[in-house]
C-alpha atoms as a PDB file:
ATOM      1  CA  MET A   1      91.520 128.812 105.651  1.00  0.00           C
ATOM      2  CA  VAL A   2      91.806 127.107 102.091  1.00  0.00           C
ATOM      3  CA  LYS A   3      90.644 128.556  99.201  1.00  0.00           C
ATOM      4  CA  LEU A   4      90.230 127.012  95.399  1.00  0.00           C
ATOM      5  CA  LEU A   5      91.306 128.892  92.784  1.00  0.00           C
ATOM      6  CA  PRO A   6      91.953 126.980  89.462  1.00  0.00           C
ATOM      7  CA  LEU A   7      91.653 128.019  86.088  1.00  0.00           C
ATOM      8  CA  GLY A   8      87.642 128.606  85.383  1.00  0.00           C
ATOM      9  CA  PHE A   9      86.928 127.690  88.812  1.00  0.00           C
ATOM     10  CA  CYS A  10      86.285 130.733  90.631  1.00  0.00           C
ATOM     11  CA  ILE A  11      82.591 129.961  91.720  1.00  0.00           C
ATOM     12  CA  ALA A  12      84.147 126.806  93.129  1.00  0.00           C
ATOM     13  CA  THR A  13      86.622 129.005  94.893  1.00  0.00           C
ATOM     14  CA  CYS A  14      83.138 130.991  96.681  1.00  0.00           C
ATOM     15  CA  ILE A  15      80.896 127.870  97.364  1.00  0.00           C
ATOM     16  CA  PHE A  16      84.230 125.843  98.849  1.00  0.00           C
ATOM     17  CA  GLY A  17      86.699 127.953  99.746  1.00  0.00           C
ATOM     18  CA  ALA A  18      85.802 127.498 103.889  1.00  0.00           C
ATOM     19  CA  LEU A  19      85.340 123.702 103.170  1.00  0.00           C
ATOM     20  CA  VAL A  20      88.665 122.546 102.150  1.00  0.00           C
ATOM     21  CA  ALA A  21      90.271 122.270 105.605  1.00  0.00           C
ATOM     22  CA  SER A  22      87.498 120.075 106.800  1.00  0.00           C
ATOM     23  CA  SER A  23      86.505 117.828 103.574  1.00  0.00           C
ATOM     24  CA  PRO A  24      88.190 116.499 100.430  1.00  0.00           C
ATOM     25  CA  VAL A  25      88.221 118.979  96.816  1.00  0.00           C
ATOM     26  CA  THR A  26      87.435 116.893  93.893  1.00  0.00           C
ATOM     27  CA  PHE A  27      88.072 118.467  90.612  1.00  0.00           C
ATOM     28  CA  GLU A  28      89.369 118.123  87.223  1.00  0.00           C
ATOM     29  CA  LEU A  29      92.931 118.573  86.624  1.00  0.00           C
ATOM     30  CA  LEU A  30      93.050 118.908  82.597  1.00  0.00           C
ATOM     31  CA  THR A  31      95.807 118.293  80.606  1.00  0.00           C
ATOM     32  CA  GLY A  32      98.725 121.285  80.249  1.00  0.00           C
ATOM     33  CA  GLU A  33      96.824 123.419  83.172  1.00  0.00           C
ATOM     34  CA  GLN A  34      97.827 123.992  86.566  1.00  0.00           C
ATOM     35  CA  GLU A  35      95.169 124.377  89.600  1.00  0.00           C
ATOM     36  CA  CYS A  36      96.154 125.607  92.876  1.00  0.00           C
ATOM     37  CA  LEU A  37      95.010 125.392  96.798  1.00  0.00           C
ATOM     38  CA  TYR A  38      95.857 128.190  99.264  1.00  0.00           C
ATOM     39  CA  VAL A  39      96.083 127.772 102.598  1.00  0.00           C
ATOM     40  CA  GLU A  40      96.422 131.153 105.040  1.00  0.00           C
ATOM     41  CA  THR A  41      98.292 129.621 108.187  1.00  0.00           C
ATOM     42  CA  LEU A  42      99.634 130.899 111.175  1.00  0.00           C
ATOM     43  CA  GLU A  43     103.179 130.632 111.966  1.00  0.00           C
ATOM     44  CA  ASN A  44     104.172 126.734 113.281  1.00  0.00           C
ATOM     45  CA  SER A  45     101.168 125.765 112.137  1.00  0.00           C
ATOM     46  CA  VAL A  46     101.118 121.569 111.000  1.00  0.00           C
ATOM     47  CA  ILE A  47      99.786 121.647 107.445  1.00  0.00           C
ATOM     48  CA  SER A  48      98.535 118.219 106.779  1.00  0.00           C
ATOM     49  CA  TYR A  49      97.698 117.210 103.263  1.00  0.00           C
ATOM     50  CA  TYR A  50      96.595 113.869 101.562  1.00  0.00           C
ATOM     51  CA  PHE A  51      95.849 113.885  97.663  1.00  0.00           C
ATOM     52  CA  ALA A  52      95.255 111.084  94.789  1.00  0.00           C
ATOM     53  CA  VAL A  53      93.672 110.748  91.485  1.00  0.00           C
ATOM     54  CA  GLN A  54      90.698 109.079  91.289  1.00  0.00           C
ATOM     55  CA  HIS A  55      90.307 109.037  87.127  1.00  0.00           C
ATOM     56  CA  SER A  56      92.534 109.602  84.192  1.00  0.00           C
ATOM     57  CA  TRP A  57      90.887 109.552  80.527  1.00  0.00           C
ATOM     58  CA  SER A  58      94.003 107.837  79.226  1.00  0.00           C
ATOM     59  CA  GLY A  59      94.867 105.606  81.875  1.00  0.00           C
ATOM     60  CA  ILE A  60      98.275 107.940  82.927  1.00  0.00           C
ATOM     61  CA  SER A  61      97.325 108.999  86.160  1.00  0.00           C
ATOM     62  CA  GLU A  62     100.749 110.927  87.322  1.00  0.00           C
ATOM     63  CA  ILE A  63     100.936 114.133  88.289  1.00  0.00           C
ATOM     64  CA  TYR A  64     103.066 116.969  89.025  1.00  0.00           C
ATOM     65  CA  TYR A  65     103.014 119.259  92.321  1.00  0.00           C
ATOM     66  CA  ASP A  66     104.632 122.212  94.198  1.00  0.00           C
ATOM     67  CA  ILE A  67     104.704 123.735  97.312  1.00  0.00           C
ATOM     68  CA  TYR A  68     104.983 127.277  97.728  1.00  0.00           C
ATOM     69  CA  GLY A  69     105.665 129.244 100.937  1.00  0.00           C
ATOM     70  CA  PRO A  70     104.143 132.637 101.899  1.00  0.00           C
ATOM     71  CA  GLY A  71     106.162 135.751  99.610  1.00  0.00           C
ATOM     72  CA  ILE A  72     107.405 132.438  97.246  1.00  0.00           C
ATOM     73  CA  ASP A  73     106.414 132.532  93.433  1.00  0.00           C
ATOM     74  CA  GLU A  74     109.314 130.942  91.791  1.00  0.00           C
ATOM     75  CA  ASN A  75     111.411 128.594  93.945  1.00  0.00           C
ATOM     76  CA  PRO A  76     108.989 126.014  95.520  1.00  0.00           C
ATOM     77  CA  ILE A  77     109.708 124.690  98.974  1.00  0.00           C
ATOM     78  CA  PHE A  78     108.634 121.284  97.973  1.00  0.00           C
ATOM     79  CA  ALA A  79     108.633 119.845  94.475  1.00  0.00           C
ATOM     80  CA  SER A  80     107.785 115.908  93.390  1.00  0.00           C
ATOM     81  CA  SER A  81     106.534 114.952  89.696  1.00  0.00           C
ATOM     82  CA  ARG A  82     105.056 111.643  88.585  1.00  0.00           C
ATOM     83  CA  GLU A  83     103.097 110.898  91.512  1.00  0.00           C
ATOM     84  CA  THR A  84      99.543 109.228  91.818  1.00  0.00           C
ATOM     85  CA  GLN A  85      99.038 110.283  95.233  1.00  0.00           C
ATOM     86  CA  GLY A  86     100.666 111.409  98.844  1.00  0.00           C
ATOM     87  CA  GLU A  87     100.243 112.316 101.792  1.00  0.00           C
ATOM     88  CA  TRP A  88     102.440 114.450 104.087  1.00  0.00           C
ATOM     89  CA  SER A  89     102.677 116.974 107.202  1.00  0.00           C
ATOM     90  CA  PHE A  90     104.991 120.135 107.798  1.00  0.00           C
ATOM     91  CA  VAL A  91     105.693 123.044 109.844  1.00  0.00           C
ATOM     92  CA  ALA A  92     104.458 126.627 108.563  1.00  0.00           C
ATOM     93  CA  ARG A  93     107.668 128.152 109.935  1.00  0.00           C
ATOM     94  CA  SER A  94     106.325 131.614 108.762  1.00  0.00           C
ATOM     95  CA  ALA A  95     103.209 132.751 109.028  1.00  0.00           C
ATOM     96  CA  GLY A  96     101.302 133.783 105.869  1.00  0.00           C
ATOM     97  CA  GLU A  97      99.834 131.944 102.340  1.00  0.00           C
ATOM     98  CA  TYR A  98     101.040 128.589 101.244  1.00  0.00           C
ATOM     99  CA  ARG A  99     100.088 127.732  97.794  1.00  0.00           C
ATOM    100  CA  PHE A 100      99.374 123.741  96.714  1.00  0.00           C
ATOM    101  CA  CYS A 101     100.088 123.779  92.677  1.00  0.00           C
ATOM    102  CA  PHE A 102      99.157 120.839  90.976  1.00  0.00           C
ATOM    103  CA  ARG A 103      99.445 119.493  87.029  1.00  0.00           C
ATOM    104  CA  ALA A 104      98.896 117.312  84.261  1.00  0.00           C
ATOM    105  CA  SER A 105     100.897 117.010  81.687  1.00  0.00           C
ATOM    106  CA  GLU A 106     100.085 113.858  79.769  1.00  0.00           C
ATOM    107  CA  SER A 107      96.717 113.096  80.455  1.00  0.00           C
ATOM    108  CA  SER A 108      93.475 114.754  82.072  1.00  0.00           C
ATOM    109  CA  CYS A 109      92.306 113.337  85.123  1.00  0.00           C
ATOM    110  CA  MET A 110      89.584 113.876  88.697  1.00  0.00           C
ATOM    111  CA  VAL A 111      91.571 114.487  91.545  1.00  0.00           C
ATOM    112  CA  ASP A 112      90.601 114.226  95.566  1.00  0.00           C
ATOM    113  CA  VAL A 113      92.819 116.888  97.426  1.00  0.00           C
ATOM    114  CA  GLU A 114      92.693 117.220 101.576  1.00  0.00           C
ATOM    115  CA  ILE A 115      94.087 120.142 103.345  1.00  0.00           C
ATOM    116  CA  LEU A 116      94.246 120.197 107.088  1.00  0.00           C
ATOM    117  CA  VAL A 117      95.485 122.946 109.166  1.00  0.00           C
ATOM    118  CA  ASN A 118      96.160 122.557 112.810  1.00  0.00           C
ATOM    119  CA  SER A 119      97.328 125.528 114.946  1.00  0.00           C
ATOM    120  CA  ASP A 120      98.202 123.945 117.915  1.00  0.00           C
ATOM    121  CA  ASN A 121     101.368 124.155 119.313  1.00  0.00           C
ATOM    122  CA  SER A 122     101.401 120.751 120.543  1.00  0.00           C
ATOM    123  CA  LEU A 123     101.196 119.507 117.046  1.00  0.00           C
ATOM    124  CA  SER A 124     104.271 121.454 116.120  1.00  0.00           C
ATOM    125  CA  LYS A 125     106.599 119.014 115.229  1.00  0.00           C
ATOM    126  CA  PRO A 126     104.728 116.013 113.225  1.00  0.00           C
ATOM    127  CA  ASN A 127     106.006 112.300 112.517  1.00  0.00           C
ATOM    128  CA  ASN A 128     106.323 113.309 108.569  1.00  0.00           C
ATOM    129  CA  ALA A 129     107.713 117.116 108.394  1.00  0.00           C
ATOM    130  CA  PHE A 130     110.026 118.605 105.810  1.00  0.00           C
ATOM    131  CA  ARG A 131     112.164 121.782 106.119  1.00  0.00           C
ATOM    132  CA  PRO A 132     111.645 124.049 103.546  1.00  0.00           C
ATOM    133  CA  SER A 133     114.362 125.184 100.926  1.00  0.00           C
ATOM    134  CA  SER A 134     114.117 129.058 101.883  1.00  0.00           C
ATOM    135  CA  PRO A 135     116.450 129.620 104.390  1.00  0.00           C
ATOM    136  CA  VAL A 136     115.916 129.330 107.619  1.00  0.00           C
ATOM    137  CA  GLU A 137     117.949 129.540 110.959  1.00  0.00           C
ATOM    138  CA  PHE A 138     118.336 125.773 112.475  1.00  0.00           C
ATOM    139  CA  GLU A 139     119.335 125.111 115.830  1.00  0.00           C
ATOM    140  CA  ASP A 140     121.586 121.914 114.899  1.00  0.00           C
ATOM    141  CA  PRO A 141     122.870 121.431 111.086  1.00  0.00           C
ATOM    142  CA  LEU A 142     123.697 118.191 111.661  1.00  0.00           C
ATOM    143  CA  GLN A 143     120.833 116.825 112.953  1.00  0.00           C
ATOM    144  CA  ASP A 144     119.267 118.856 110.234  1.00  0.00           C
ATOM    145  CA  THR A 145     121.010 117.287 107.716  1.00  0.00           C
ATOM    146  CA  TRP A 146     120.023 113.631 109.244  1.00  0.00           C
ATOM    147  CA  GLU A 147     116.810 114.740 109.249  1.00  0.00           C
ATOM    148  CA  ARG A 148     116.330 115.659 105.198  1.00  0.00           C
ATOM    149  CA  SER A 149     118.590 112.504 104.846  1.00  0.00           C
ATOM    150  CA  LEU A 150     115.800 110.410 106.637  1.00  0.00           C
ATOM    151  CA  GLU A 151     113.025 112.182 104.570  1.00  0.00           C
ATOM    152  CA  LEU A 152     114.742 111.358 101.172  1.00  0.00           C
ATOM    153  CA  ILE A 153     114.890 108.127 102.007  1.00  0.00           C
ATOM    154  CA  GLU A 154     111.495 107.481 103.300  1.00  0.00           C
ATOM    155  CA  ARG A 155     110.053 109.037 100.135  1.00  0.00           C
ATOM    156  CA  GLN A 156     112.065 106.502  98.195  1.00  0.00           C
ATOM    157  CA  LEU A 157     110.539 103.792  99.868  1.00  0.00           C
ATOM    158  CA  LYS A 158     107.477 104.832  99.219  1.00  0.00           C
ATOM    159  CA  VAL A 159     107.906 105.308  95.513  1.00  0.00           C
ATOM    160  CA  LEU A 160     109.290 101.467  95.769  1.00  0.00           C
ATOM    161  CA  GLU A 161     106.290 100.775  97.741  1.00  0.00           C
ATOM    162  CA  THR A 162     104.101 102.753  94.820  1.00  0.00           C
ATOM    163  CA  ASN A 163     105.949 100.879  91.907  1.00  0.00           C
ATOM    164  CA  MET A 164     105.802  97.225  93.555  1.00  0.00           C
ATOM    165  CA  ASP A 165     102.307  97.788  93.891  1.00  0.00           C
ATOM    166  CA  ARG A 166     101.793  98.818  90.381  1.00  0.00           C
ATOM    167  CA  TYR A 167     104.167  95.908  88.944  1.00  0.00           C
ATOM    168  CA  LYS A 168     101.538  93.757  91.358  1.00  0.00           C
ATOM    169  CA  THR A 169      98.446  94.873  89.517  1.00  0.00           C
ATOM    170  CA  ARG A 170     100.200  94.676  86.334  1.00  0.00           C
ATOM    171  CA  THR A 171     101.392  91.496  86.780  1.00  0.00           C
ATOM    172  CA  MET A 172      97.971  89.789  87.954  1.00  0.00           C
ATOM    173  CA  ARG A 173      96.510  91.754  84.825  1.00  0.00           C
ATOM    174  CA  ASN A 174      98.461  89.813  82.860  1.00  0.00           C
ATOM    175  CA  SER A 175      98.131  86.651  83.953  1.00  0.00           C
ATOM    176  CA  ALA A 176      94.270  87.246  84.095  1.00  0.00           C
ATOM    177  CA  THR A 177      94.880  88.163  80.577  1.00  0.00           C
ATOM    178  CA  VAL A 178      96.561  84.827  80.029  1.00  0.00           C
ATOM    179  CA  LEU A 179      94.180  82.568  81.619  1.00  0.00           C
ATOM    180  CA  SER A 180      91.036  84.487  79.797  1.00  0.00           C
ATOM    181  CA  ILE A 181      92.802  83.892  76.587  1.00  0.00           C
ATOM    182  CA  ALA A 182      93.576  80.138  77.224  1.00  0.00           C
ATOM    183  CA  SER A 183      90.606  79.338  78.431  1.00  0.00           C
ATOM    184  CA  ARG A 184      88.543  81.107  75.356  1.00  0.00           C
ATOM    185  CA  ALA A 185      91.183  79.441  73.287  1.00  0.00           C
ATOM    186  CA  ASN A 186      90.173  76.050  74.805  1.00  0.00           C
ATOM    187  CA  MET A 187      86.687  76.792  74.342  1.00  0.00           C
ATOM    188  CA  LEU A 188      87.031  77.884  70.690  1.00  0.00           C
ATOM    189  CA  ALA A 189      88.960  74.519  69.934  1.00  0.00           C
ATOM    190  CA  VAL A 190      86.114  72.556  71.587  1.00  0.00           C
ATOM    191  CA  CYS A 191      83.043  74.286  69.698  1.00  0.00           C
ATOM    192  CA  GLY A 192      85.209  73.948  66.357  1.00  0.00           C
ATOM    193  CA  SER A 193      85.936  70.124  66.734  1.00  0.00           C
ATOM    194  CA  LEU A 194      82.025  69.724  67.518  1.00  0.00           C
ATOM    195  CA  VAL A 195      81.335  72.059  64.131  1.00  0.00           C
ATOM    196  CA  ILE A 196      83.211  69.956  62.229  1.00  0.00           C
ATOM    197  CA  MET A 197      82.104  66.394  63.681  1.00  0.00           C
ATOM    198  CA  GLY A 198      78.535  67.920  63.081  1.00  0.00           C
ATOM    199  CA  VAL A 199      79.282  68.446  59.573  1.00  0.00           C
ATOM    200  CA  ILE A 200      80.652  65.426  58.763  1.00  0.00           C
ATOM    201  CA  TYR A 201      77.975  63.763  60.445  1.00  0.00           C
ATOM    202  CA  CYS A 202      75.500  65.897  58.023  1.00  0.00           C
ATOM    203  CA  GLN A 203      77.623  64.944  55.184  1.00  0.00           C
ATOM    204  CA  THR A 204      77.328  61.539  56.110  1.00  0.00           C
ATOM    205  CA  LYS A 205      73.373  61.569  56.104  1.00  0.00           C
ATOM    206  CA  LEU A 206      73.120  63.559  53.333  1.00  0.00           C
ATOM    207  CA  LEU A 207      74.958  60.865  50.906  1.00  0.00           C
ATOM    208  CA  LYS A 208      73.421  58.243  52.747  1.00  0.00           C
ATOM    209  CA  ARG A 209      69.915  60.180  51.532  1.00  0.00           C
ATOM    210  CA  LEU A 210      71.106  60.626  48.118  1.00  0.00           C
ATOM    211  CA  ARG A 211      72.662  57.181  47.518  1.00  0.00           C
ATOM    212  CA  LYS A 212      69.346  55.444  48.642  1.00  0.00           C
ATOM    213  CA  SER A 213      67.410  58.413  46.572  1.00  0.00           C
ATOM    214  CA  ILE A 214      69.106  56.832  43.505  1.00  0.00           C
ATOM    215  CA  ARG A 215      68.980  53.339  44.053  1.00  0.00           C
ATOM    216  CA  SER A 216      65.152  53.625  44.668  1.00  0.00           C
ATOM    217  CA  SER A 217      64.920  55.239  41.300  1.00  0.00           C
ATOM    218  CA  ASN A 218      66.888  53.087  39.878  1.00  0.00           C
ATOM    219  CA  ARG A 219      64.641  49.909  41.131  1.00  0.00           C
ATOM    220  CA  LYS A 220      61.431  51.804  39.742  1.00  0.00           C
ATOM    221  CA  ARG A 221      62.867  51.529  36.283  1.00  0.00           C
END
């Protein structure tokens, strides 16, 4: 069972507490505040989570999040910063309540979060599993070191991919802006030329009429 306990969202906890494990939860993450999701699990259960920042009021869509294990209030078993979205799975080595806390330090935003808990023992070793930082006895320390190294490399590659996507989007946006400005400049130049030609034409016609009127008045005299 998962329950939502953000600041000021106690009513939402009662309504959506039993639905978080099967459907995403969307909430507003205010600047400087922290919102947490709590998950009650059995030992060796697989916890999978996904989150994404859907909208940011100031355009900065980066948030911080921490994962705390049962009975851990200070040192998180996992922490990440300046993320716009994330997806991961890990094994709950200890039974109890796991806490997912999100915070936005620069801008308020809307966040979608989905947490799934699977107690099937056949899935106790997911593809993307990380080890908690709390002291746990491992059968093979070398294997654990390799797993940590591979996890770090995978996360760095994911960050690199995200940065490349942002750079590509920014480049495309800048190119579109340059093309738009160039097309507007061309249109303004054409319109300016037409206006100048129109003014010259009108002035020429006006001068011709004035000359004709002056000549006709002189002849009458």
